[in-house]
PDB file of N, CA and C in Angstrom:
ATOM      1  N   MET A   1     -25.631 -18.879-100.908  1.00  0.00           N
ATOM      2  CA  MET A   1     -24.511 -19.066-100.013  1.00  0.00           C
ATOM      3  C   MET A   1     -23.232 -18.706-100.754  1.00  0.00           C
ATOM      4  N   LEU A   2     -22.374 -17.967-100.111  1.00  0.00           N
ATOM      5  CA  LEU A   2     -21.112 -17.560-100.714  1.00  0.00           C
ATOM      6  C   LEU A   2     -20.092 -18.687-100.615  1.00  0.00           C
ATOM      7  N   PRO A   3     -19.178 -18.776-101.613  1.00  0.00           N
ATOM      8  CA  PRO A   3     -18.118 -19.782-101.522  1.00  0.00           C
ATOM      9  C   PRO A   3     -17.187 -19.445-100.366  1.00  0.00           C
ATOM     10  N   PRO A   4     -16.489 -20.452 -99.838  1.00  0.00           N
ATOM     11  CA  PRO A   4     -15.576 -20.168 -98.724  1.00  0.00           C
ATOM     12  C   PRO A   4     -14.487 -19.197 -99.165  1.00  0.00           C
ATOM     13  N   GLU A   5     -14.144 -18.317 -98.263  1.00  0.00           N
ATOM     14  CA  GLU A   5     -13.129 -17.314 -98.569  1.00  0.00           C
ATOM     15  C   GLU A   5     -11.745 -17.959 -98.537  1.00  0.00           C
ATOM     16  N   LEU A   6     -10.962 -17.649 -99.556  1.00  0.00           N
ATOM     17  CA  LEU A   6      -9.599 -18.175 -99.615  1.00  0.00           C
ATOM     18  C   LEU A   6      -8.736 -17.488 -98.570  1.00  0.00           C
ATOM     19  N   PRO A   7      -7.726 -18.187 -98.071  1.00  0.00           N
ATOM     20  CA  PRO A   7      -6.812 -17.514 -97.151  1.00  0.00           C
ATOM     21  C   PRO A   7      -6.069 -16.416 -97.914  1.00  0.00           C
ATOM     22  N   PRO A   8      -5.643 -15.396 -97.222  1.00  0.00           N
ATOM     23  CA  PRO A   8      -4.939 -14.311 -97.917  1.00  0.00           C
ATOM     24  C   PRO A   8      -3.568 -14.776 -98.399  1.00  0.00           C
ATOM     25  N   LEU A   9      -3.134 -14.174 -99.480  1.00  0.00           N
ATOM     26  CA  LEU A   9      -1.773 -14.438 -99.947  1.00  0.00           C
ATOM     27  C   LEU A   9      -0.788 -13.898 -98.912  1.00  0.00           C
ATOM     28  N   PRO A  10       0.320 -14.584 -98.715  1.00  0.00           N
ATOM     29  CA  PRO A  10       1.333 -14.022 -97.817  1.00  0.00           C
ATOM     30  C   PRO A  10       1.952 -12.779 -98.466  1.00  0.00           C
ATOM     31  N   ALA A  11       2.572 -11.969 -97.658  1.00  0.00           N
ATOM     32  CA  ALA A  11       3.241 -10.776 -98.177  1.00  0.00           C
ATOM     33  C   ALA A  11       4.402 -11.200 -99.065  1.00  0.00           C
ATOM     34  N   LEU A  12       4.381 -10.728-100.295  1.00  0.00           N
ATOM     35  CA  LEU A  12       5.430 -11.039-101.262  1.00  0.00           C
ATOM     36  C   LEU A  12       5.967  -9.750-101.850  1.00  0.00           C
ATOM     37  N   THR A  13       7.235  -9.767-102.228  1.00  0.00           N
ATOM     38  CA  THR A  13       7.743  -8.647-102.998  1.00  0.00           C
ATOM     39  C   THR A  13       7.124  -8.729-104.386  1.00  0.00           C
ATOM     40  N   ARG A  14       7.184  -7.663-105.127  1.00  0.00           N
ATOM     41  CA  ARG A  14       6.656  -7.669-106.495  1.00  0.00           C
ATOM     42  C   ARG A  14       7.375  -8.731-107.325  1.00  0.00           C
ATOM     43  N   ALA A  15       8.680  -8.874-107.113  1.00  0.00           N
ATOM     44  CA  ALA A  15       9.452  -9.866-107.863  1.00  0.00           C
ATOM     45  C   ALA A  15       9.045 -11.291-107.481  1.00  0.00           C
ATOM     46  N   GLU A  16       8.781 -11.530-106.194  1.00  0.00           N
ATOM     47  CA  GLU A  16       8.325 -12.860-105.773  1.00  0.00           C
ATOM     48  C   GLU A  16       6.964 -13.182-106.366  1.00  0.00           C
ATOM     49  N   ALA A  17       6.067 -12.212-106.389  1.00  0.00           N
ATOM     50  CA  ALA A  17       4.749 -12.422-106.978  1.00  0.00           C
ATOM     51  C   ALA A  17       4.870 -12.736-108.462  1.00  0.00           C
ATOM     52  N   GLU A  18       5.762 -12.047-109.141  1.00  0.00           N
ATOM     53  CA  GLU A  18       5.994 -12.309-110.564  1.00  0.00           C
ATOM     54  C   GLU A  18       6.560 -13.715-110.754  1.00  0.00           C
ATOM     55  N   LEU A  19       7.474 -14.117-109.894  1.00  0.00           N
ATOM     56  CA  LEU A  19       8.041 -15.469-109.951  1.00  0.00           C
ATOM     57  C   LEU A  19       6.938 -16.515-109.813  1.00  0.00           C
ATOM     58  N   ILE A  20       6.072 -16.352-108.828  1.00  0.00           N
ATOM     59  CA  ILE A  20       4.978 -17.300-108.598  1.00  0.00           C
ATOM     60  C   ILE A  20       4.058 -17.362-109.821  1.00  0.00           C
ATOM     61  N   ASP A  21       3.695 -16.202-110.348  1.00  0.00           N
ATOM     62  CA  ASP A  21       2.801 -16.170-111.510  1.00  0.00           C
ATOM     63  C   ASP A  21       3.430 -16.843-112.725  1.00  0.00           C
ATOM     64  N   ARG A  22       4.689 -16.549-112.997  1.00  0.00           N
ATOM     65  CA  ARG A  22       5.350 -17.142-114.165  1.00  0.00           C
ATOM     66  C   ARG A  22       5.584 -18.637-113.972  1.00  0.00           C
ATOM     67  N   TYR A  23       5.884 -19.051-112.738  1.00  0.00           N
ATOM     68  CA  TYR A  23       6.067 -20.471-112.442  1.00  0.00           C
ATOM     69  C   TYR A  23       4.770 -21.236-112.710  1.00  0.00           C
ATOM     70  N   LEU A  24       3.653 -20.691-112.241  1.00  0.00           N
ATOM     71  CA  LEU A  24       2.373 -21.360-112.458  1.00  0.00           C
ATOM     72  C   LEU A  24       1.982 -21.379-113.933  1.00  0.00           C
ATOM     73  N   ASP A  25       2.363 -20.343-114.675  1.00  0.00           N
ATOM     74  CA  ASP A  25       2.144 -20.368-116.128  1.00  0.00           C
ATOM     75  C   ASP A  25       2.849 -21.569-116.753  1.00  0.00           C
ATOM     76  N   VAL A  26       4.110 -21.769-116.367  1.00  0.00           N
ATOM     77  CA  VAL A  26       4.893 -22.881-116.912  1.00  0.00           C
ATOM     78  C   VAL A  26       4.302 -24.223-116.477  1.00  0.00           C
ATOM     79  N   VAL A  27       3.933 -24.336-115.214  1.00  0.00           N
ATOM     80  CA  VAL A  27       3.342 -25.581-114.708  1.00  0.00           C
ATOM     81  C   VAL A  27       2.061 -25.911-115.471  1.00  0.00           C
ATOM     82  N   ASP A  28       1.216 -24.911-115.702  1.00  0.00           N
ATOM     83  CA  ASP A  28      -0.026 -25.145-116.439  1.00  0.00           C
ATOM     84  C   ASP A  28       0.253 -25.665-117.845  1.00  0.00           C
ATOM     85  N   LEU A  29       1.240 -25.088-118.504  1.00  0.00           N
ATOM     86  CA  LEU A  29       1.558 -25.517-119.866  1.00  0.00           C
ATOM     87  C   LEU A  29       2.154 -26.919-119.888  1.00  0.00           C
ATOM     88  N   VAL A  30       3.053 -27.207-118.968  1.00  0.00           N
ATOM     89  CA  VAL A  30       3.642 -28.553-118.921  1.00  0.00           C
ATOM     90  C   VAL A  30       2.555 -29.580-118.611  1.00  0.00           C
ATOM     91  N   GLY A  31       1.603 -29.222-117.776  1.00  0.00           N
ATOM     92  CA  GLY A  31       0.470 -30.109-117.510  1.00  0.00           C
ATOM     93  C   GLY A  31      -0.342 -30.389-118.755  1.00  0.00           C
ATOM     94  N   ARG A  32      -0.498 -29.396-119.614  1.00  0.00           N
ATOM     95  CA  ARG A  32      -1.240 -29.598-120.861  1.00  0.00           C
ATOM     96  C   ARG A  32      -0.447 -30.445-121.863  1.00  0.00           C
ATOM     97  N   ILE A  33       0.873 -30.414-121.752  1.00  0.00           N
ATOM     98  CA  ILE A  33       1.719 -31.183-122.666  1.00  0.00           C
ATOM     99  C   ILE A  33       1.850 -32.634-122.213  1.00  0.00           C
ATOM    100  N   ASN A  34       1.653 -32.916-120.942  1.00  0.00           N
ATOM    101  CA  ASN A  34       1.880 -34.238-120.349  1.00  0.00           C
ATOM    102  C   ASN A  34       1.219 -35.336-121.199  1.00  0.00           C
ATOM    103  N   PRO A  35       2.019 -36.213-121.798  1.00  0.00           N
ATOM    104  CA  PRO A  35       1.450 -37.256-122.663  1.00  0.00           C
ATOM    105  C   PRO A  35       0.720 -38.354-121.889  1.00  0.00           C
ATOM    106  N   ALA A  36       0.816 -38.363-120.585  1.00  0.00           N
ATOM    107  CA  ALA A  36       0.125 -39.378-119.786  1.00  0.00           C
ATOM    108  C   ALA A  36      -1.349 -39.025-119.569  1.00  0.00           C
ATOM    109  N   HIS A  37      -1.759 -37.840-120.004  1.00  0.00           N
ATOM    110  CA  HIS A  37      -3.155 -37.415-119.880  1.00  0.00           C
ATOM    111  C   HIS A  37      -3.819 -37.434-121.250  1.00  0.00           C
ATOM    112  N   ASP A  38      -5.119 -37.705-121.246  1.00  0.00           N
ATOM    113  CA  ASP A  38      -5.869 -37.683-122.500  1.00  0.00           C
ATOM    114  C   ASP A  38      -5.847 -36.288-123.095  1.00  0.00           C
ATOM    115  N   GLY A  39      -5.879 -36.227-124.385  1.00  0.00           N
ATOM    116  CA  GLY A  39      -5.903 -34.953-125.097  1.00  0.00           C
ATOM    117  C   GLY A  39      -5.461 -35.196-126.522  1.00  0.00           C
ATOM    118  N   ASP A  40      -5.360 -34.121-127.265  1.00  0.00           N
ATOM    119  CA  ASP A  40      -4.914 -34.288-128.643  1.00  0.00           C
ATOM    120  C   ASP A  40      -3.551 -33.636-128.836  1.00  0.00           C
ATOM    121  N   THR A  41      -2.907 -33.992-129.929  1.00  0.00           N
ATOM    122  CA  THR A  41      -1.556 -33.494-130.177  1.00  0.00           C
ATOM    123  C   THR A  41      -1.548 -31.991-130.433  1.00  0.00           C
ATOM    124  N   TYR A  42      -2.609 -31.465-131.026  1.00  0.00           N
ATOM    125  CA  TYR A  42      -2.642 -30.033-131.310  1.00  0.00           C
ATOM    126  C   TYR A  42      -2.611 -29.221-130.015  1.00  0.00           C
ATOM    127  N   ARG A  43      -3.359 -29.674-129.045  1.00  0.00           N
ATOM    128  CA  ARG A  43      -3.367 -28.992-127.743  1.00  0.00           C
ATOM    129  C   ARG A  43      -1.958 -29.000-127.136  1.00  0.00           C
ATOM    130  N   GLY A  44      -1.302 -30.159-127.167  1.00  0.00           N
ATOM    131  CA  GLY A  44       0.061 -30.249-126.657  1.00  0.00           C
ATOM    132  C   GLY A  44       1.040 -29.394-127.445  1.00  0.00           C
ATOM    133  N   LEU A  45       0.864 -29.367-128.768  1.00  0.00           N
ATOM    134  CA  LEU A  45       1.734 -28.546-129.613  1.00  0.00           C
ATOM    135  C   LEU A  45       1.593 -27.071-129.273  1.00  0.00           C
ATOM    136  N   ARG A  46       0.373 -26.609-129.137  1.00  0.00           N
ATOM    137  CA  ARG A  46       0.151 -25.192-128.802  1.00  0.00           C
ATOM    138  C   ARG A  46       0.747 -24.854-127.430  1.00  0.00           C
ATOM    139  N   ALA A  47       0.587 -25.750-126.488  1.00  0.00           N
ATOM    140  CA  ALA A  47       1.155 -25.517-125.154  1.00  0.00           C
ATOM    141  C   ALA A  47       2.678 -25.492-125.221  1.00  0.00           C
ATOM    142  N   ALA A  48       3.268 -26.396-126.002  1.00  0.00           N
ATOM    143  CA  ALA A  48       4.728 -26.433-126.126  1.00  0.00           C
ATOM    144  C   ALA A  48       5.255 -25.165-126.787  1.00  0.00           C
ATOM    145  N   GLN A  49       4.538 -24.662-127.762  1.00  0.00           N
ATOM    146  CA  GLN A  49       4.952 -23.416-128.407  1.00  0.00           C
ATOM    147  C   GLN A  49       4.897 -22.251-127.428  1.00  0.00           C
ATOM    148  N   ALA A  50       3.869 -22.205-126.622  1.00  0.00           N
ATOM    149  CA  ALA A  50       3.728 -21.125-125.638  1.00  0.00           C
ATOM    150  C   ALA A  50       4.749 -21.260-124.508  1.00  0.00           C
ATOM    151  N   LEU A  51       5.175 -22.482-124.245  1.00  0.00           N
ATOM    152  CA  LEU A  51       6.102 -22.737-123.140  1.00  0.00           C
ATOM    153  C   LEU A  51       7.412 -21.973-123.308  1.00  0.00           C
ATOM    154  N   VAL A  52       7.869 -21.830-124.521  1.00  0.00           N
ATOM    155  CA  VAL A  52       9.132 -21.129-124.769  1.00  0.00           C
ATOM    156  C   VAL A  52       9.081 -19.716-124.198  1.00  0.00           C
ATOM    157  N   GLY A  53       8.030 -18.988-124.533  1.00  0.00           N
ATOM    158  CA  GLY A  53       7.906 -17.619-124.038  1.00  0.00           C
ATOM    159  C   GLY A  53       7.690 -17.547-122.545  1.00  0.00           C
ATOM    160  N   ARG A  54       6.909 -18.474-122.008  1.00  0.00           N
ATOM    161  CA  ARG A  54       6.641 -18.449-120.564  1.00  0.00           C
ATOM    162  C   ARG A  54       7.880 -18.825-119.765  1.00  0.00           C
ATOM    163  N   ALA A  55       8.689 -19.749-120.297  1.00  0.00           N
ATOM    164  CA  ALA A  55       9.938 -20.110-119.617  1.00  0.00           C
ATOM    165  C   ALA A  55      10.889 -18.914-119.607  1.00  0.00           C
ATOM    166  N   ALA A  56      10.921 -18.163-120.689  1.00  0.00           N
ATOM    167  CA  ALA A  56      11.759 -16.958-120.728  1.00  0.00           C
ATOM    168  C   ALA A  56      11.265 -15.926-119.711  1.00  0.00           C
ATOM    169  N   ALA A  57       9.963 -15.796-119.561  1.00  0.00           N
ATOM    170  CA  ALA A  57       9.411 -14.862-118.573  1.00  0.00           C
ATOM    171  C   ALA A  57       9.753 -15.314-117.153  1.00  0.00           C
ATOM    172  N   LEU A  58       9.739 -16.620-116.915  1.00  0.00           N
ATOM    173  CA  LEU A  58      10.137 -17.150-115.608  1.00  0.00           C
ATOM    174  C   LEU A  58      11.603 -16.842-115.339  1.00  0.00           C
ATOM    175  N   ARG A  59      12.436 -17.069-116.348  1.00  0.00           N
ATOM    176  CA  ARG A  59      13.861 -16.747-116.209  1.00  0.00           C
ATOM    177  C   ARG A  59      14.035 -15.268-115.892  1.00  0.00           C
ATOM    178  N   ASP A  60      13.301 -14.405-116.607  1.00  0.00           N
ATOM    179  CA  ASP A  60      13.424 -12.966-116.391  1.00  0.00           C
ATOM    180  C   ASP A  60      13.007 -12.582-114.973  1.00  0.00           C
ATOM    181  N   ALA A  61      11.968 -13.213-114.445  1.00  0.00           N
ATOM    182  CA  ALA A  61      11.529 -12.924-113.076  1.00  0.00           C
ATOM    183  C   ALA A  61      12.626 -13.285-112.079  1.00  0.00           C
ATOM    184  N   LEU A  62      13.274 -14.413-112.302  1.00  0.00           N
ATOM    185  CA  LEU A  62      14.369 -14.809-111.413  1.00  0.00           C
ATOM    186  C   LEU A  62      15.570 -13.871-111.564  1.00  0.00           C
ATOM    187  N   GLU A  63      15.845 -13.423-112.772  1.00  0.00           N
ATOM    188  CA  GLU A  63      16.944 -12.473-112.989  1.00  0.00           C
ATOM    189  C   GLU A  63      16.697 -11.162-112.247  1.00  0.00           C
ATOM    190  N   VAL A  64      15.459 -10.682-112.300  1.00  0.00           N
ATOM    191  CA  VAL A  64      15.125  -9.441-111.597  1.00  0.00           C
ATOM    192  C   VAL A  64      15.344  -9.615-110.098  1.00  0.00           C
ATOM    193  N   MET A  65      14.888 -10.723-109.563  1.00  0.00           N
ATOM    194  CA  MET A  65      15.087 -10.974-108.136  1.00  0.00           C
ATOM    195  C   MET A  65      16.564 -10.975-107.789  1.00  0.00           C
ATOM    196  N   HIS A  66      17.347 -11.683-108.576  1.00  0.00           N
ATOM    197  CA  HIS A  66      18.779 -11.794-108.300  1.00  0.00           C
ATOM    198  C   HIS A  66      19.459 -10.425-108.399  1.00  0.00           C
ATOM    199  N   ARG A  67      19.109  -9.681-109.427  1.00  0.00           N
ATOM    200  CA  ARG A  67      19.706  -8.361-109.639  1.00  0.00           C
ATOM    201  C   ARG A  67      19.353  -7.402-108.496  1.00  0.00           C
ATOM    202  N   ARG A  68      18.160  -7.545-107.931  1.00  0.00           N
ATOM    203  CA  ARG A  68      17.720  -6.682-106.838  1.00  0.00           C
ATOM    204  C   ARG A  68      18.271  -7.118-105.488  1.00  0.00           C
ATOM    205  N   GLY A  69      19.049  -8.178-105.477  1.00  0.00           N
ATOM    206  CA  GLY A  69      19.625  -8.650-104.220  1.00  0.00           C
ATOM    207  C   GLY A  69      18.762  -9.654-103.497  1.00  0.00           C
ATOM    208  N   GLU A  70      17.665 -10.081-104.112  1.00  0.00           N
ATOM    209  CA  GLU A  70      16.818 -11.123-103.520  1.00  0.00           C
ATOM    210  C   GLU A  70      17.418 -12.465-103.921  1.00  0.00           C
ATOM    211  N   THR A  71      18.463 -12.853-103.213  1.00  0.00           N
ATOM    212  CA  THR A  71      19.217 -14.038-103.615  1.00  0.00           C
ATOM    213  C   THR A  71      18.719 -15.326-102.971  1.00  0.00           C
ATOM    214  N   ARG A  72      17.807 -15.216-102.019  1.00  0.00           N
ATOM    215  CA  ARG A  72      17.277 -16.403-101.352  1.00  0.00           C
ATOM    216  C   ARG A  72      15.797 -16.543-101.640  1.00  0.00           C
ATOM    217  N   LEU A  73      15.375 -17.774-101.882  1.00  0.00           N
ATOM    218  CA  LEU A  73      13.955 -18.056-102.020  1.00  0.00           C
ATOM    219  C   LEU A  73      13.421 -18.448-100.644  1.00  0.00           C
ATOM    220  N   HIS A  74      12.381 -17.806-100.210  1.00  0.00           N
ATOM    221  CA  HIS A  74      11.761 -18.120 -98.925  1.00  0.00           C
ATOM    222  C   HIS A  74      10.699 -19.184 -99.183  1.00  0.00           C
ATOM    223  N   ALA A  75      11.138 -20.426 -99.154  1.00  0.00           N
ATOM    224  CA  ALA A  75      10.330 -21.561 -99.610  1.00  0.00           C
ATOM    225  C   ALA A  75       8.997 -21.667 -98.880  1.00  0.00           C
ATOM    226  N   ALA A  76       8.985 -21.498 -97.593  1.00  0.00           N
ATOM    227  CA  ALA A  76       7.732 -21.652 -96.844  1.00  0.00           C
ATOM    228  C   ALA A  76       6.703 -20.608 -97.278  1.00  0.00           C
ATOM    229  N   THR A  77       7.135 -19.372 -97.439  1.00  0.00           N
ATOM    230  CA  THR A  77       6.233 -18.302 -97.854  1.00  0.00           C
ATOM    231  C   THR A  77       5.757 -18.521 -99.281  1.00  0.00           C
ATOM    232  N   LEU A  78       6.684 -18.884-100.166  1.00  0.00           N
ATOM    233  CA  LEU A  78       6.318 -19.107-101.559  1.00  0.00           C
ATOM    234  C   LEU A  78       5.408 -20.323-101.702  1.00  0.00           C
ATOM    235  N   ALA A  79       5.636 -21.342-100.896  1.00  0.00           N
ATOM    236  CA  ALA A  79       4.764 -22.519-100.926  1.00  0.00           C
ATOM    237  C   ALA A  79       3.351 -22.154-100.473  1.00  0.00           C
ATOM    238  N   ARG A  80       3.238 -21.297 -99.453  1.00  0.00           N
ATOM    239  CA  ARG A  80       1.904 -20.842 -99.018  1.00  0.00           C
ATOM    240  C   ARG A  80       1.195 -20.105-100.141  1.00  0.00           C
ATOM    241  N   ALA A  81       1.927 -19.262-100.840  1.00  0.00           N
ATOM    242  CA  ALA A  81       1.332 -18.529-101.965  1.00  0.00           C
ATOM    243  C   ALA A  81       0.881 -19.501-103.056  1.00  0.00           C
ATOM    244  N   LEU A  82       1.689 -20.498-103.344  1.00  0.00           N
ATOM    245  CA  LEU A  82       1.322 -21.487-104.353  1.00  0.00           C
ATOM    246  C   LEU A  82       0.058 -22.239-103.951  1.00  0.00           C
ATOM    247  N   ARG A  83      -0.053 -22.585-102.675  1.00  0.00           N
ATOM    248  CA  ARG A  83      -1.252 -23.291-102.214  1.00  0.00           C
ATOM    249  C   ARG A  83      -2.502 -22.430-102.355  1.00  0.00           C
ATOM    250  N   VAL A  84      -2.399 -21.152-102.000  1.00  0.00           N
ATOM    251  CA  VAL A  84      -3.543 -20.248-102.123  1.00  0.00           C
ATOM    252  C   VAL A  84      -3.967 -20.141-103.587  1.00  0.00           C
ATOM    253  N   LEU A  85      -3.011 -20.187-104.493  1.00  0.00           N
ATOM    254  CA  LEU A  85      -3.293 -20.054-105.925  1.00  0.00           C
ATOM    255  C   LEU A  85      -3.544 -21.400-106.599  1.00  0.00           C
ATOM    256  N   ASP A  86      -3.875 -22.423-105.807  1.00  0.00           N
ATOM    257  CA  ASP A  86      -4.246 -23.740-106.332  1.00  0.00           C
ATOM    258  C   ASP A  86      -3.072 -24.451-107.001  1.00  0.00           C
ATOM    259  N   GLY A  87      -1.880 -24.164-106.539  1.00  0.00           N
ATOM    260  CA  GLY A  87      -0.679 -24.741-107.136  1.00  0.00           C
ATOM    261  C   GLY A  87      -0.587 -26.247-107.012  1.00  0.00           C
ATOM    262  N   GLU A  88      -1.124 -26.817-105.929  1.00  0.00           N
ATOM    263  CA  GLU A  88      -1.049 -28.277-105.771  1.00  0.00           C
ATOM    264  C   GLU A  88      -1.844 -28.983-106.861  1.00  0.00           C
ATOM    265  N   ARG A  89      -3.052 -28.515-107.131  1.00  0.00           N
ATOM    266  CA  ARG A  89      -3.853 -29.135-108.184  1.00  0.00           C
ATOM    267  C   ARG A  89      -3.218 -28.923-109.545  1.00  0.00           C
ATOM    268  N   ARG A  90      -2.723 -27.724-109.772  1.00  0.00           N
ATOM    269  CA  ARG A  90      -2.137 -27.403-111.067  1.00  0.00           C
ATOM    270  C   ARG A  90      -0.859 -28.217-111.295  1.00  0.00           C
ATOM    271  N   ALA A  91      -0.048 -28.380-110.271  1.00  0.00           N
ATOM    272  CA  ALA A  91       1.189 -29.153-110.409  1.00  0.00           C
ATOM    273  C   ALA A  91       0.908 -30.647-110.540  1.00  0.00           C
ATOM    274  N   ALA A  92      -0.211 -31.105-110.007  1.00  0.00           N
ATOM    275  CA  ALA A  92      -0.547 -32.529-110.107  1.00  0.00           C
ATOM    276  C   ALA A  92      -0.742 -32.954-111.561  1.00  0.00           C
ATOM    277  N   ARG A  93      -1.112 -32.032-112.432  1.00  0.00           N
ATOM    278  CA  ARG A  93      -1.277 -32.351-113.859  1.00  0.00           C
ATOM    279  C   ARG A  93       0.055 -32.705-114.513  1.00  0.00           C
ATOM    280  N   VAL A  94       1.159 -32.300-113.901  1.00  0.00           N
ATOM    281  CA  VAL A  94       2.484 -32.591-114.452  1.00  0.00           C
ATOM    282  C   VAL A  94       2.894 -34.033-114.136  1.00  0.00           C
ATOM    283  N   ALA A  95       2.440 -34.552-113.020  1.00  0.00           N
ATOM    284  CA  ALA A  95       2.827 -35.896-112.567  1.00  0.00           C
ATOM    285  C   ALA A  95       2.096 -36.980-113.361  1.00  0.00           C
ATOM    286  N   LEU A  96       2.616 -38.185-113.278  1.00  0.00           N
ATOM    287  CA  LEU A  96       1.940 -39.326-113.893  1.00  0.00           C
ATOM    288  C   LEU A  96       0.688 -39.660-113.092  1.00  0.00           C
ATOM    289  N   PRO A  97      -0.413 -39.929-113.773  1.00  0.00           N
ATOM    290  CA  PRO A  97      -1.610 -40.318-113.043  1.00  0.00           C
ATOM    291  C   PRO A  97      -1.444 -41.713-112.446  1.00  0.00           C
ATOM    292  N   GLN A  98      -2.232 -41.978-111.417  1.00  0.00           N
ATOM    293  CA  GLN A  98      -2.201 -43.300-110.794  1.00  0.00           C
ATOM    294  C   GLN A  98      -2.688 -44.341-111.803  1.00  0.00           C
ATOM    295  N   PRO A  99      -2.061 -45.532-111.799  1.00  0.00           N
ATOM    296  CA  PRO A  99      -2.527 -46.571-112.734  1.00  0.00           C
ATOM    297  C   PRO A  99      -3.962 -46.984-112.434  1.00  0.00           C
ATOM    298  N   ARG A 100      -4.685 -47.275-113.497  1.00  0.00           N
ATOM    299  CA  ARG A 100      -6.068 -47.708-113.339  1.00  0.00           C
ATOM    300  C   ARG A 100      -6.097 -49.197-112.982  1.00  0.00           C
ATOM    301  N   ALA A 101      -7.030 -49.527-112.109  1.00  0.00           N
ATOM    302  CA  ALA A 101      -7.205 -50.944-111.772  1.00  0.00           C
ATOM    303  C   ALA A 101      -7.871 -51.623-112.946  1.00  0.00           C
ATOM    304  N   GLU A 102      -7.301 -52.706-113.401  1.00  0.00           N
ATOM    305  CA  GLU A 102      -7.857 -53.431-114.567  1.00  0.00           C
ATOM    306  C   GLU A 102      -8.777 -54.519-114.119  1.00  0.00           C
TER     307      GLU A 102
END
């Protein structure tokens, strides 16, 4: 049996697609750094080191959009793209986990 087919990505400009990709890169790294999740310090250190470059790439993606005259973010469309790319699960790693019942 084949896995369920994902919904198609909404139509994005190349700059919007780059923004989404770089944003998710940063979210993934911040999720790995989150001290509220189990892990080791080395993993967090490596993610923090990589974050510098990924944040610069995110900034560059936004600069390209702005320079090209794409001055507005179309939140509904970008949110749909994030959902298709599993952004909700990936962003949940950034948040504090629910407290455990003792």
